[in-house]
């Protein structure tokens, strides 16, 4: 049995980038005490969760694991 290949595309990159950006914003916001910055980070985390939860599939339906051949 062959291992399934994984298709890495722009939807995955957008998700990882948004997650990393939200983490940095949250860290900086909490360290500096800037309320609007960590609130923005939390909103971005929610939007990122929606992205990973299924919105990504609507824009990039062919990403992810390939089908069995």
PDB file of N, CA and C in Angstrom:
ATOM      1  N   UNK A   1       0.844  -1.171   0.000  1.00  0.00           N
ATOM      2  CA  UNK A   1       0.000   0.000   0.000  1.00  0.00           C
ATOM      3  C   UNK A   1       0.893   1.239   0.000  1.00  0.00           C
ATOM      4  N   UNK A   2       0.595   2.137  -0.900  1.00  0.00           N
ATOM      5  CA  UNK A   2       1.407   3.343  -1.021  1.00  0.00           C
ATOM      6  C   UNK A   2       0.893   4.417  -0.064  1.00  0.00           C
ATOM      7  N   UNK A   3       1.819   5.208   0.412  1.00  0.00           N
ATOM      8  CA  UNK A   3       1.427   6.328   1.272  1.00  0.00           C
ATOM      9  C   UNK A   3       0.729   7.388   0.431  1.00  0.00           C
ATOM     10  N   UNK A   4      -0.245   8.033   1.023  1.00  0.00           N
ATOM     11  CA  UNK A   4      -0.953   9.086   0.299  1.00  0.00           C
ATOM     12  C   UNK A   4      -0.086  10.330   0.239  1.00  0.00           C
ATOM     13  N   UNK A   5      -0.072  10.944  -0.935  1.00  0.00           N
ATOM     14  CA  UNK A   5       0.668  12.204  -1.033  1.00  0.00           C
ATOM     15  C   UNK A   5      -0.227  13.334  -0.532  1.00  0.00           C
ATOM     16  N   UNK A   6       0.410  14.375  -0.072  1.00  0.00           N
ATOM     17  CA  UNK A   6      -0.343  15.511   0.458  1.00  0.00           C
ATOM     18  C   UNK A   6      -0.108  16.702  -0.450  1.00  0.00           C
ATOM     19  N   UNK A   7      -1.176  17.344  -0.872  1.00  0.00           N
ATOM     20  CA  UNK A   7      -1.072  18.490  -1.769  1.00  0.00           C
ATOM     21  C   UNK A   7      -1.038  19.772  -0.949  1.00  0.00           C
ATOM     22  N   UNK A   8       0.085  20.433  -1.003  1.00  0.00           N
ATOM     23  CA  UNK A   8       0.267  21.682  -0.264  1.00  0.00           C
ATOM     24  C   UNK A   8       0.017  22.826  -1.230  1.00  0.00           C
ATOM     25  N   UNK A   9      -0.962  23.660  -0.927  1.00  0.00           N
ATOM     26  CA  UNK A   9      -1.304  24.745  -1.833  1.00  0.00           C
ATOM     27  C   UNK A   9      -1.493  26.051  -1.096  1.00  0.00           C
ATOM     28  N   UNK A  10      -2.064  27.031  -1.775  1.00  0.00           N
ATOM     29  CA  UNK A  10      -2.212  28.351  -1.178  1.00  0.00           C
ATOM     30  C   UNK A  10      -3.154  28.384   0.019  1.00  0.00           C
ATOM     31  N   UNK A  11      -4.152  27.528   0.060  1.00  0.00           N
ATOM     32  CA  UNK A  11      -5.070  27.511   1.202  1.00  0.00           C
ATOM     33  C   UNK A  11      -4.374  27.106   2.491  1.00  0.00           C
ATOM     34  N   UNK A  12      -3.478  26.141   2.392  1.00  0.00           N
ATOM     35  CA  UNK A  12      -2.698  25.698   3.557  1.00  0.00           C
ATOM     36  C   UNK A  12      -1.755  26.817   3.993  1.00  0.00           C
ATOM     37  N   UNK A  13      -1.103  27.451   3.024  1.00  0.00           N
ATOM     38  CA  UNK A  13      -0.166  28.536   3.335  1.00  0.00           C
ATOM     39  C   UNK A  13      -0.885  29.715   3.996  1.00  0.00           C
ATOM     40  N   UNK A  14      -2.070  30.049   3.504  1.00  0.00           N
ATOM     41  CA  UNK A  14      -2.854  31.128   4.108  1.00  0.00           C
ATOM     42  C   UNK A  14      -3.203  30.776   5.551  1.00  0.00           C
ATOM     43  N   UNK A  15      -3.612  29.541   5.795  1.00  0.00           N
ATOM     44  CA  UNK A  15      -3.977  29.117   7.145  1.00  0.00           C
ATOM     45  C   UNK A  15      -2.814  29.157   8.114  1.00  0.00           C
ATOM     46  N   UNK A  16      -1.661  28.629   7.682  1.00  0.00           N
ATOM     47  CA  UNK A  16      -0.486  28.654   8.553  1.00  0.00           C
ATOM     48  C   UNK A  16      -0.008  30.083   8.793  1.00  0.00           C
ATOM     49  N   UNK A  17      -0.026  30.907   7.751  1.00  0.00           N
ATOM     50  CA  UNK A  17       0.402  32.298   7.890  1.00  0.00           C
ATOM     51  C   UNK A  17      -0.491  33.076   8.845  1.00  0.00           C
ATOM     52  N   UNK A  18      -1.805  32.892   8.710  1.00  0.00           N
ATOM     53  CA  UNK A  18      -2.741  33.593   9.596  1.00  0.00           C
ATOM     54  C   UNK A  18      -2.607  33.116  11.039  1.00  0.00           C
ATOM     55  N   UNK A  19      -2.371  31.829  11.218  1.00  0.00           N
ATOM     56  CA  UNK A  19      -2.192  31.296  12.569  1.00  0.00           C
ATOM     57  C   UNK A  19      -0.927  31.872  13.214  1.00  0.00           C
ATOM     58  N   UNK A  20       0.164  31.906  12.454  1.00  0.00           N
ATOM     59  CA  UNK A  20       1.414  32.460  12.978  1.00  0.00           C
ATOM     60  C   UNK A  20       1.275  33.951  13.286  1.00  0.00           C
ATOM     61  N   UNK A  21       0.610  34.688  12.398  1.00  0.00           N
ATOM     62  CA  UNK A  21       0.404  36.117  12.622  1.00  0.00           C
ATOM     63  C   UNK A  21      -0.440  36.358  13.870  1.00  0.00           C
ATOM     64  N   UNK A  22      -1.488  35.569  14.057  1.00  0.00           N
ATOM     65  CA  UNK A  22      -2.337  35.721  15.243  1.00  0.00           C
ATOM     66  C   UNK A  22      -1.545  35.423  16.517  1.00  0.00           C
ATOM     67  N   UNK A  23      -0.681  34.401  16.466  1.00  0.00           N
ATOM     68  CA  UNK A  23       0.124  34.069  17.638  1.00  0.00           C
ATOM     69  C   UNK A  23       1.081  35.201  17.995  1.00  0.00           C
ATOM     70  N   UNK A  24       1.718  35.786  16.983  1.00  0.00           N
ATOM     71  CA  UNK A  24       2.645  36.892  17.236  1.00  0.00           C
ATOM     72  C   UNK A  24       1.898  38.106  17.775  1.00  0.00           C
ATOM     73  N   UNK A  25       0.749  38.427  17.165  1.00  0.00           N
ATOM     74  CA  UNK A  25      -0.042  39.569  17.646  1.00  0.00           C
ATOM     75  C   UNK A  25      -0.495  39.370  19.089  1.00  0.00           C
ATOM     76  N   UNK A  26      -0.922  38.148  19.401  1.00  0.00           N
ATOM     77  CA  UNK A  26      -1.354  37.865  20.767  1.00  0.00           C
ATOM     78  C   UNK A  26      -0.197  38.024  21.745  1.00  0.00           C
ATOM     79  N   UNK A  27       0.954  37.479  21.397  1.00  0.00           N
ATOM     80  CA  UNK A  27       2.131  37.581  22.260  1.00  0.00           C
ATOM     81  C   UNK A  27       2.529  39.042  22.485  1.00  0.00           C
ATOM     82  N   UNK A  28       2.648  39.798  21.414  1.00  0.00           N
ATOM     83  CA  UNK A  28       3.051  41.207  21.520  1.00  0.00           C
ATOM     84  C   UNK A  28       1.994  42.004  22.279  1.00  0.00           C
ATOM     85  N   UNK A  29       0.723  41.734  21.988  1.00  0.00           N
ATOM     86  CA  UNK A  29      -0.345  42.455  22.666  1.00  0.00           C
ATOM     87  C   UNK A  29      -0.373  42.200  24.164  1.00  0.00           C
ATOM     88  N   UNK A  30      -0.140  40.957  24.556  1.00  0.00           N
ATOM     89  CA  UNK A  30      -0.143  40.631  25.984  1.00  0.00           C
ATOM     90  C   UNK A  30       1.100  41.169  26.690  1.00  0.00           C
ATOM     91  N   UNK A  31       2.239  41.115  26.026  1.00  0.00           N
ATOM     92  CA  UNK A  31       3.486  41.598  26.632  1.00  0.00           C
ATOM     93  C   UNK A  31       3.444  43.119  26.813  1.00  0.00           C
ATOM     94  N   UNK A  32       2.960  43.832  25.794  1.00  0.00           N
ATOM     95  CA  UNK A  32       2.948  45.291  25.861  1.00  0.00           C
ATOM     96  C   UNK A  32       1.712  45.840  26.564  1.00  0.00           C
ATOM     97  N   UNK A  33       0.721  45.008  26.779  1.00  0.00           N
ATOM     98  CA  UNK A  33      -0.500  45.451  27.424  1.00  0.00           C
ATOM     99  C   UNK A  33      -1.428  46.227  26.501  1.00  0.00           C
ATOM    100  N   UNK A  34      -1.257  46.044  25.199  1.00  0.00           N
ATOM    101  CA  UNK A  34      -2.084  46.735  24.219  1.00  0.00           C
ATOM    102  C   UNK A  34      -3.365  45.933  23.995  1.00  0.00           C
ATOM    103  N   UNK A  35      -4.465  46.428  24.532  1.00  0.00           N
ATOM    104  CA  UNK A  35      -5.718  45.679  24.500  1.00  0.00           C
ATOM    105  C   UNK A  35      -6.213  45.437  23.084  1.00  0.00           C
ATOM    106  N   UNK A  36      -6.197  46.475  22.239  1.00  0.00           N
ATOM    107  CA  UNK A  36      -6.745  46.300  20.895  1.00  0.00           C
ATOM    108  C   UNK A  36      -5.946  45.295  20.090  1.00  0.00           C
ATOM    109  N   UNK A  37      -4.646  45.135  20.393  1.00  0.00           N
ATOM    110  CA  UNK A  37      -3.805  44.208  19.643  1.00  0.00           C
ATOM    111  C   UNK A  37      -4.147  42.761  19.974  1.00  0.00           C
ATOM    112  N   UNK A  38      -4.333  42.448  21.271  1.00  0.00           N
ATOM    113  CA  UNK A  38      -4.655  41.058  21.576  1.00  0.00           C
ATOM    114  C   UNK A  38      -6.104  40.735  21.255  1.00  0.00           C
ATOM    115  N   UNK A  39      -6.988  41.722  21.269  1.00  0.00           N
ATOM    116  CA  UNK A  39      -8.364  41.481  20.818  1.00  0.00           C
ATOM    117  C   UNK A  39      -8.364  41.190  19.312  1.00  0.00           C
ATOM    118  N   UNK A  40      -7.574  41.948  18.557  1.00  0.00           N
ATOM    119  CA  UNK A  40      -7.427  41.678  17.128  1.00  0.00           C
ATOM    120  C   UNK A  40      -6.885  40.267  16.890  1.00  0.00           C
ATOM    121  N   UNK A  41      -5.924  39.861  17.714  1.00  0.00           N
ATOM    122  CA  UNK A  41      -5.359  38.519  17.594  1.00  0.00           C
ATOM    123  C   UNK A  41      -6.417  37.450  17.875  1.00  0.00           C
ATOM    124  N   UNK A  42      -7.250  37.664  18.876  1.00  0.00           N
ATOM    125  CA  UNK A  42      -8.302  36.688  19.171  1.00  0.00           C
ATOM    126  C   UNK A  42      -9.313  36.592  18.036  1.00  0.00           C
ATOM    127  N   UNK A  43      -9.656  37.735  17.445  1.00  0.00           N
ATOM    128  CA  UNK A  43     -10.564  37.726  16.288  1.00  0.00           C
ATOM    129  C   UNK A  43      -9.919  36.976  15.131  1.00  0.00           C
ATOM    130  N   UNK A  44      -8.625  37.197  14.919  1.00  0.00           N
ATOM    131  CA  UNK A  44      -7.919  36.490  13.858  1.00  0.00           C
ATOM    132  C   UNK A  44      -7.860  34.991  14.138  1.00  0.00           C
ATOM    133  N   UNK A  45      -7.706  34.599  15.403  1.00  0.00           N
ATOM    134  CA  UNK A  45      -7.739  33.179  15.744  1.00  0.00           C
ATOM    135  C   UNK A  45      -9.099  32.561  15.421  1.00  0.00           C
ATOM    136  N   UNK A  46     -10.167  33.272  15.690  1.00  0.00           N
ATOM    137  CA  UNK A  46     -11.511  32.771  15.361  1.00  0.00           C
ATOM    138  C   UNK A  46     -11.672  32.621  13.849  1.00  0.00           C
ATOM    139  N   UNK A  47     -11.242  33.629  13.099  1.00  0.00           N
ATOM    140  CA  UNK A  47     -11.329  33.547  11.639  1.00  0.00           C
ATOM    141  C   UNK A  47     -10.453  32.423  11.087  1.00  0.00           C
ATOM    142  N   UNK A  48      -9.288  32.219  11.696  1.00  0.00           N
ATOM    143  CA  UNK A  48      -8.413  31.127  11.279  1.00  0.00           C
ATOM    144  C   UNK A  48      -9.063  29.779  11.565  1.00  0.00           C
ATOM    145  N   UNK A  49      -9.729  29.662  12.700  1.00  0.00           N
ATOM    146  CA  UNK A  49     -10.447  28.424  13.005  1.00  0.00           C
ATOM    147  C   UNK A  49     -11.545  28.139  11.997  1.00  0.00           C
ATOM    148  N   UNK A  50     -12.247  29.172  11.584  1.00  0.00           N
ATOM    149  CA  UNK A  50     -13.265  28.994  10.544  1.00  0.00           C
ATOM    150  C   UNK A  50     -12.620  28.579   9.217  1.00  0.00           C
ATOM    151  N   UNK A  51     -11.454  29.162   8.935  1.00  0.00           N
ATOM    152  CA  UNK A  51     -10.741  28.817   7.705  1.00  0.00           C
ATOM    153  C   UNK A  51     -10.376  27.339   7.696  1.00  0.00           C
ATOM    154  N   UNK A  52      -9.779  26.851   8.800  1.00  0.00           N
ATOM    155  CA  UNK A  52      -9.406  25.439   8.869  1.00  0.00           C
ATOM    156  C   UNK A  52     -10.633  24.540   8.966  1.00  0.00           C
ATOM    157  N   UNK A  53     -11.717  25.078   9.538  1.00  0.00           N
ATOM    158  CA  UNK A  53     -12.919  24.277   9.744  1.00  0.00           C
ATOM    159  C   UNK A  53     -13.724  23.979   8.494  1.00  0.00           C
ATOM    160  N   UNK A  54     -13.463  24.645   7.403  1.00  0.00           N
ATOM    161  CA  UNK A  54     -14.207  24.309   6.205  1.00  0.00           C
ATOM    162  C   UNK A  54     -14.279  25.373   5.139  1.00  0.00           C
ATOM    163  N   UNK A  55     -14.039  26.620   5.499  1.00  0.00           N
ATOM    164  CA  UNK A  55     -14.103  27.678   4.491  1.00  0.00           C
ATOM    165  C   UNK A  55     -13.037  27.457   3.425  1.00  0.00           C
ATOM    166  N   UNK A  56     -11.874  26.959   3.831  1.00  0.00           N
ATOM    167  CA  UNK A  56     -10.773  26.707   2.901  1.00  0.00           C
ATOM    168  C   UNK A  56     -11.189  25.755   1.792  1.00  0.00           C
ATOM    169  N   UNK A  57     -11.991  24.768   2.123  1.00  0.00           N
ATOM    170  CA  UNK A  57     -12.427  23.775   1.129  1.00  0.00           C
ATOM    171  C   UNK A  57     -13.304  24.385   0.039  1.00  0.00           C
ATOM    172  N   UNK A  58     -14.014  25.458   0.353  1.00  0.00           N
ATOM    173  CA  UNK A  58     -14.843  26.104  -0.651  1.00  0.00           C
ATOM    174  C   UNK A  58     -13.999  26.847  -1.681  1.00  0.00           C
ATOM    175  N   UNK A  59     -12.868  27.408  -1.248  1.00  0.00           N
ATOM    176  CA  UNK A  59     -12.007  28.148  -2.156  1.00  0.00           C
ATOM    177  C   UNK A  59     -10.968  27.266  -2.840  1.00  0.00           C
ATOM    178  N   UNK A  60     -10.500  26.237  -2.138  1.00  0.00           N
ATOM    179  CA  UNK A  60      -9.467  25.346  -2.670  1.00  0.00           C
ATOM    180  C   UNK A  60      -9.913  23.890  -2.495  1.00  0.00           C
ATOM    181  N   UNK A  61     -10.854  23.426  -3.316  1.00  0.00           N
ATOM    182  CA  UNK A  61     -11.427  22.086  -3.114  1.00  0.00           C
ATOM    183  C   UNK A  61     -10.462  20.938  -3.402  1.00  0.00           C
ATOM    184  N   UNK A  62      -9.397  21.174  -4.147  1.00  0.00           N
ATOM    185  CA  UNK A  62      -8.485  20.092  -4.508  1.00  0.00           C
ATOM    186  C   UNK A  62      -7.285  19.971  -3.592  1.00  0.00           C
ATOM    187  N   UNK A  63      -7.252  20.768  -2.535  1.00  0.00           N
ATOM    188  CA  UNK A  63      -6.137  20.665  -1.593  1.00  0.00           C
ATOM    189  C   UNK A  63      -6.366  19.550  -0.603  1.00  0.00           C
ATOM    190  N   UNK A  64      -5.295  19.092  -0.038  1.00  0.00           N
ATOM    191  CA  UNK A  64      -5.395  18.070   0.982  1.00  0.00           C
ATOM    192  C   UNK A  64      -4.947  16.728   0.444  1.00  0.00           C
ATOM    193  N   UNK A  65      -5.413  15.695   1.047  1.00  0.00           N
ATOM    194  CA  UNK A  65      -4.993  14.355   0.629  1.00  0.00           C
ATOM    195  C   UNK A  65      -5.580  14.014  -0.729  1.00  0.00           C
ATOM    196  N   UNK A  66      -4.751  13.356  -1.540  1.00  0.00           N
ATOM    197  CA  UNK A  66      -5.217  12.964  -2.868  1.00  0.00           C
ATOM    198  C   UNK A  66      -6.140  11.749  -2.744  1.00  0.00           C
ATOM    199  N   UNK A  67      -6.962  11.580  -3.710  1.00  0.00           N
ATOM    200  CA  UNK A  67      -7.881  10.420  -3.703  1.00  0.00           C
ATOM    201  C   UNK A  67      -7.130   9.164  -4.099  1.00  0.00           C
ATOM    202  N   UNK A  68      -7.649   8.040  -3.687  1.00  0.00           N
ATOM    203  CA  UNK A  68      -7.038   6.767  -4.104  1.00  0.00           C
ATOM    204  C   UNK A  68      -7.172   6.628  -5.618  1.00  0.00           C
ATOM    205  N   UNK A  69      -6.129   6.120  -6.199  1.00  0.00           N
ATOM    206  CA  UNK A  69      -6.154   5.989  -7.669  1.00  0.00           C
ATOM    207  C   UNK A  69      -6.623   4.627  -8.086  1.00  0.00           C
TER     208      UNK A  69
END
